[in-house]
C-alpha atoms as a PDB file:
ATOM      1  CA  MET A   1     107.957 101.446 123.636  1.00  0.00           C
ATOM      2  CA  ILE A   2     106.450  98.874 121.060  1.00  0.00           C
ATOM      3  CA  LEU A   3     102.686  97.556 121.908  1.00  0.00           C
ATOM      4  CA  ALA A   4     102.769  94.218 120.178  1.00  0.00           C
ATOM      5  CA  VAL A   5      98.876  93.466 119.868  1.00  0.00           C
ATOM      6  CA  GLY A   6      97.780  90.396 118.858  1.00  0.00           C
ATOM      7  CA  PRO A   7      96.268  88.121 117.626  1.00  0.00           C
ATOM      8  CA  HIS A   8      95.352  89.837 114.828  1.00  0.00           C
ATOM      9  CA  THR A   9      92.488  88.174 113.026  1.00  0.00           C
ATOM     10  CA  HIS A  10      90.021  90.915 111.924  1.00  0.00           C
ATOM     11  CA  TRP A  11      89.363  94.525 110.834  1.00  0.00           C
ATOM     12  CA  VAL A  12      87.646  95.118 114.068  1.00  0.00           C
ATOM     13  CA  ASP A  13      90.931  94.745 115.901  1.00  0.00           C
ATOM     14  CA  VAL A  14      92.171  98.050 114.838  1.00  0.00           C
ATOM     15  CA  MET A  15      89.012  99.734 116.186  1.00  0.00           C
ATOM     16  CA  THR A  16      89.258  97.595 119.531  1.00  0.00           C
ATOM     17  CA  GLY A  17      93.025  98.870 119.534  1.00  0.00           C
ATOM     18  CA  PHE A  18      91.828 102.498 118.920  1.00  0.00           C
ATOM     19  CA  ALA A  19      89.120 101.930 122.401  1.00  0.00           C
ATOM     20  CA  ALA A  20      92.101 100.104 124.239  1.00  0.00           C
ATOM     21  CA  ARG A  21      94.349 103.086 123.486  1.00  0.00           C
ATOM     22  CA  ASN A  22      91.703 105.624 124.880  1.00  0.00           C
ATOM     23  CA  ALA A  23      90.953 103.324 127.773  1.00  0.00           C
ATOM     24  CA  LEU A  24      94.417 103.041 128.808  1.00  0.00           C
ATOM     25  CA  LYS A  25      95.119 106.571 128.108  1.00  0.00           C
ATOM     26  CA  ILE A  26      97.952 106.484 125.727  1.00  0.00           C
ATOM     27  CA  HIS A  27      96.483 108.856 123.204  1.00  0.00           C
ATOM     28  CA  HIS A  28      99.639 109.562 121.623  1.00  0.00           C
ATOM     29  CA  ALA A  29     100.484 105.914 120.569  1.00  0.00           C
ATOM     30  CA  LYS A  30     101.011 105.531 116.865  1.00  0.00           C
ATOM     31  CA  PHE A  31     100.473 102.973 114.186  1.00  0.00           C
ATOM     32  CA  LEU A  32     102.130 102.572 110.863  1.00  0.00           C
ATOM     33  CA  ALA A  33     100.417 102.766 107.251  1.00  0.00           C
ATOM     34  CA  LYS A  34     101.929 102.757 103.882  1.00  0.00           C
ATOM     35  CA  LYS A  35     102.970 106.557 102.664  1.00  0.00           C
ATOM     36  CA  GLU A  36     100.713 106.240  99.617  1.00  0.00           C
ATOM     37  CA  LEU A  37      97.549 106.307 101.988  1.00  0.00           C
ATOM     38  CA  PHE A  38      98.489 109.877 103.510  1.00  0.00           C
ATOM     39  CA  ARG A  39      97.675 111.596 100.202  1.00  0.00           C
ATOM     40  CA  GLY A  40      94.529 113.618 100.273  1.00  0.00           C
ATOM     41  CA  PRO A  41      91.681 114.040 102.806  1.00  0.00           C
ATOM     42  CA  LEU A  42      92.498 110.150 104.075  1.00  0.00           C
ATOM     43  CA  GLY A  43      95.766 111.271 104.998  1.00  0.00           C
ATOM     44  CA  TRP A  44      94.801 114.041 107.296  1.00  0.00           C
ATOM     45  CA  LEU A  45      92.082 111.273 109.077  1.00  0.00           C
ATOM     46  CA  LEU A  46      95.098 108.436 109.470  1.00  0.00           C
ATOM     47  CA  LYS A  47      97.425 111.513 111.160  1.00  0.00           C
ATOM     48  CA  SER A  48      94.662 112.438 113.313  1.00  0.00           C
ATOM     49  CA  LEU A  49      94.251 109.041 114.240  1.00  0.00           C
ATOM     50  CA  GLY A  50      98.040 108.524 114.873  1.00  0.00           C
ATOM     51  CA  GLY A  51      99.192 107.144 111.907  1.00  0.00           C
ATOM     52  CA  SER A  52     102.669 107.393 110.780  1.00  0.00           C
ATOM     53  CA  PRO A  53     103.723 107.104 107.157  1.00  0.00           C
ATOM     54  CA  VAL A  54     106.274 104.439 106.029  1.00  0.00           C
ATOM     55  CA  ASP A  55     107.353 103.600 102.706  1.00  0.00           C
ATOM     56  CA  ARG A  56     107.443  99.940 101.403  1.00  0.00           C
ATOM     57  CA  HIS A  57     109.830 100.585  98.394  1.00  0.00           C
ATOM     58  CA  SER A  58     112.596 102.728 100.138  1.00  0.00           C
ATOM     59  CA  LYS A  59     116.397 102.010 100.172  1.00  0.00           C
ATOM     60  CA  GLN A  60     115.988 102.283 103.702  1.00  0.00           C
ATOM     61  CA  GLY A  61     114.445  99.466 105.094  1.00  0.00           C
ATOM     62  CA  MET A  62     111.236  99.307 106.853  1.00  0.00           C
ATOM     63  CA  VAL A  63     113.046  98.555 110.101  1.00  0.00           C
ATOM     64  CA  GLU A  64     115.177 101.263 109.748  1.00  0.00           C
ATOM     65  CA  GLN A  65     112.497 103.856 109.250  1.00  0.00           C
ATOM     66  CA  VAL A  66     110.836 102.988 111.989  1.00  0.00           C
ATOM     67  CA  VAL A  67     113.844 103.018 114.238  1.00  0.00           C
ATOM     68  CA  ALA A  68     114.261 106.583 112.982  1.00  0.00           C
ATOM     69  CA  LEU A  69     110.759 107.281 114.155  1.00  0.00           C
ATOM     70  CA  PHE A  70     111.793 106.496 117.366  1.00  0.00           C
ATOM     71  CA  ASN A  71     115.098 107.998 117.404  1.00  0.00           C
ATOM     72  CA  ASN A  72     113.706 111.422 116.172  1.00  0.00           C
ATOM     73  CA  ASN A  73     110.674 111.448 118.548  1.00  0.00           C
ATOM     74  CA  GLU A  74     111.114 111.546 122.547  1.00  0.00           C
ATOM     75  CA  ASN A  75     108.026 110.105 123.226  1.00  0.00           C
ATOM     76  CA  PHE A  76     107.190 107.690 120.589  1.00  0.00           C
ATOM     77  CA  ILE A  77     104.738 104.775 121.316  1.00  0.00           C
ATOM     78  CA  LEU A  78     104.170 102.261 118.408  1.00  0.00           C
ATOM     79  CA  GLY A  79     101.514  99.548 118.242  1.00  0.00           C
ATOM     80  CA  ILE A  80     101.791  96.898 115.705  1.00  0.00           C
ATOM     81  CA  ALA A  81     100.419  93.565 114.903  1.00  0.00           C
ATOM     82  CA  PRO A  82     103.282  90.956 115.323  1.00  0.00           C
ATOM     83  CA  GLU A  83     101.840  88.441 112.653  1.00  0.00           C
ATOM     84  CA  GLY A  84     102.119  91.162 110.254  1.00  0.00           C
ATOM     85  CA  THR A  85      98.575  90.002 108.661  1.00  0.00           C
ATOM     86  CA  ARG A  86      95.120  89.235 109.610  1.00  0.00           C
ATOM     87  CA  LYS A  87      95.543  85.679 108.011  1.00  0.00           C
ATOM     88  CA  HIS A  88      96.621  82.016 109.474  1.00  0.00           C
ATOM     89  CA  VAL A  89     100.224  82.143 110.748  1.00  0.00           C
ATOM     90  CA  ASP A  90     102.532  79.927 112.081  1.00  0.00           C
ATOM     91  CA  THR A  91     104.929  81.926 113.313  1.00  0.00           C
ATOM     92  CA  LEU A  92     105.485  86.020 113.918  1.00  0.00           C
ATOM     93  CA  ARG A  93     106.968  88.273 111.762  1.00  0.00           C
ATOM     94  CA  THR A  94     110.107  89.827 113.600  1.00  0.00           C
ATOM     95  CA  GLY A  95     110.471  93.352 112.322  1.00  0.00           C
ATOM     96  CA  PHE A  96     109.026  94.356 115.553  1.00  0.00           C
ATOM     97  CA  TYR A  97     111.470  92.607 116.960  1.00  0.00           C
ATOM     98  CA  HIS A  98     114.456  94.038 115.261  1.00  0.00           C
ATOM     99  CA  ILE A  99     112.983  97.331 115.623  1.00  0.00           C
ATOM    100  CA  ALA A 100     112.715  97.250 119.250  1.00  0.00           C
ATOM    101  CA  LYS A 101     116.008  95.937 119.806  1.00  0.00           C
ATOM    102  CA  LYS A 102     117.936  98.600 117.460  1.00  0.00           C
ATOM    103  CA  ALA A 103     115.689 101.489 119.004  1.00  0.00           C
ATOM    104  CA  ALA A 104     116.726 100.076 122.626  1.00  0.00           C
ATOM    105  CA  VAL A 105     112.612 100.148 123.397  1.00  0.00           C
ATOM    106  CA  PRO A 106     110.844  97.495 125.422  1.00  0.00           C
ATOM    107  CA  ILE A 107     108.242  95.135 124.133  1.00  0.00           C
ATOM    108  CA  VAL A 108     104.927  94.909 125.661  1.00  0.00           C
ATOM    109  CA  PRO A 109     102.582  92.222 124.676  1.00  0.00           C
ATOM    110  CA  ILE A 110      99.039  92.689 124.823  1.00  0.00           C
ATOM    111  CA  GLY A 111      96.510  89.797 123.942  1.00  0.00           C
ATOM    112  CA  LEU A 112      92.644  90.240 122.573  1.00  0.00           C
ATOM    113  CA  ASP A 113      90.821  87.317 123.842  1.00  0.00           C
ATOM    114  CA  TYR A 114      87.214  87.944 122.256  1.00  0.00           C
ATOM    115  CA  GLN A 115      85.848  84.786 123.822  1.00  0.00           C
ATOM    116  CA  LYS A 116      86.704  86.393 126.975  1.00  0.00           C
ATOM    117  CA  LYS A 117      85.793  89.816 126.042  1.00  0.00           C
ATOM    118  CA  GLN A 118      89.496  90.878 127.624  1.00  0.00           C
ATOM    119  CA  LEU A 119      92.592  92.878 126.952  1.00  0.00           C
ATOM    120  CA  VAL A 120      95.589  91.423 128.647  1.00  0.00           C
ATOM    121  CA  VAL A 121      98.658  93.622 129.008  1.00  0.00           C
ATOM    122  CA  GLY A 122     101.808  91.348 129.267  1.00  0.00           C
ATOM    123  CA  GLU A 123     105.137  91.979 131.123  1.00  0.00           C
ATOM    124  CA  PRO A 124     107.426  94.355 129.200  1.00  0.00           C
ATOM    125  CA  PHE A 125     110.738  93.195 128.064  1.00  0.00           C
ATOM    126  CA  PHE A 126     113.679  94.066 126.107  1.00  0.00           C
ATOM    127  CA  ALA A 127     114.749  92.061 122.988  1.00  0.00           C
ATOM    128  CA  GLY A 128     117.607  90.085 124.117  1.00  0.00           C
ATOM    129  CA  ASP A 129     120.214  88.042 122.407  1.00  0.00           C
ATOM    130  CA  ASP A 130     118.032  85.075 122.088  1.00  0.00           C
ATOM    131  CA  GLU A 131     115.818  85.756 119.311  1.00  0.00           C
ATOM    132  CA  VAL A 132     114.214  82.332 119.082  1.00  0.00           C
ATOM    133  CA  ASN A 133     113.609  82.030 122.789  1.00  0.00           C
ATOM    134  CA  ASP A 134     111.928  85.377 122.910  1.00  0.00           C
ATOM    135  CA  ILE A 135     109.470  84.543 120.081  1.00  0.00           C
ATOM    136  CA  LYS A 136     108.666  81.356 121.448  1.00  0.00           C
ATOM    137  CA  LYS A 137     107.614  82.963 124.700  1.00  0.00           C
ATOM    138  CA  LEU A 138     105.895  85.817 122.787  1.00  0.00           C
ATOM    139  CA  LEU A 139     104.004  82.908 120.845  1.00  0.00           C
ATOM    140  CA  ALA A 140     103.029  81.356 124.061  1.00  0.00           C
ATOM    141  CA  PHE A 141     101.603  84.364 125.519  1.00  0.00           C
ATOM    142  CA  TYR A 142      99.390  85.357 122.418  1.00  0.00           C
ATOM    143  CA  ALA A 143      98.297  81.224 122.075  1.00  0.00           C
ATOM    144  CA  ASN A 144      96.065  81.966 125.168  1.00  0.00           C
ATOM    145  CA  PHE A 145      93.646  83.956 123.275  1.00  0.00           C
ATOM    146  CA  THR A 146      91.016  83.869 120.908  1.00  0.00           C
ATOM    147  CA  GLY A 147      90.767  85.971 118.269  1.00  0.00           C
ATOM    148  CA  LYS A 148      87.828  87.516 116.577  1.00  0.00           C
ATOM    149  CA  LYS A 149      88.153  84.763 113.859  1.00  0.00           C
ATOM    150  CA  PRO A 150      89.443  82.046 116.167  1.00  0.00           C
ATOM    151  CA  ALA A 151      90.645  80.076 112.622  1.00  0.00           C
ATOM    152  CA  PHE A 152      93.058  82.695 112.272  1.00  0.00           C
ATOM    153  CA  ASP A 153      94.398  83.302 115.936  1.00  0.00           C
ATOM    154  CA  LEU A 154      97.591  81.475 117.534  1.00  0.00           C
ATOM    155  CA  ARG A 155      95.997  79.228 119.690  1.00  0.00           C
ATOM    156  CA  HIS A 156      97.046  75.986 117.445  1.00  0.00           C
ATOM    157  CA  LEU A 157     100.729  77.024 118.415  1.00  0.00           C
ATOM    158  CA  LYS A 158     100.288  76.533 122.322  1.00  0.00           C
ATOM    159  CA  GLU A 159     102.590  73.825 123.666  1.00  0.00           C
ATOM    160  CA  GLU A 160     101.049  71.374 125.915  1.00  0.00           C
END
């Protein structure tokens, strides 16, 4: 499955994610990082924390590389930030959605709410034939949460 965790507004979200991974007892959940970070002693640390290297410059696209990780590992769980950045965004990146669709795995939306000090696990779903509608539903989910840096969260996308 893909654990789509948002809003991602601050580096502290990574530490919150590790804590949540422990609390939810999904110790084998992985995250992605560029392959260059896996050289030397940092590589050992990243791998021990659950890092999976990806080559951002490969002829094989990022989506295909991650789908291969799902296909080659029986119990692969990936945590990913659907915004793809810690900055202000007006929509989600869709790579995670295409990975889920091609790998035939569910997306589990997870909301980080720093104001309420809550982590909210949403209903799992499979990417369907209506990507626009699916992304709208995810945006509506994430728009309920206040990020660590509220100026960068997704509440501005909440429909009234």
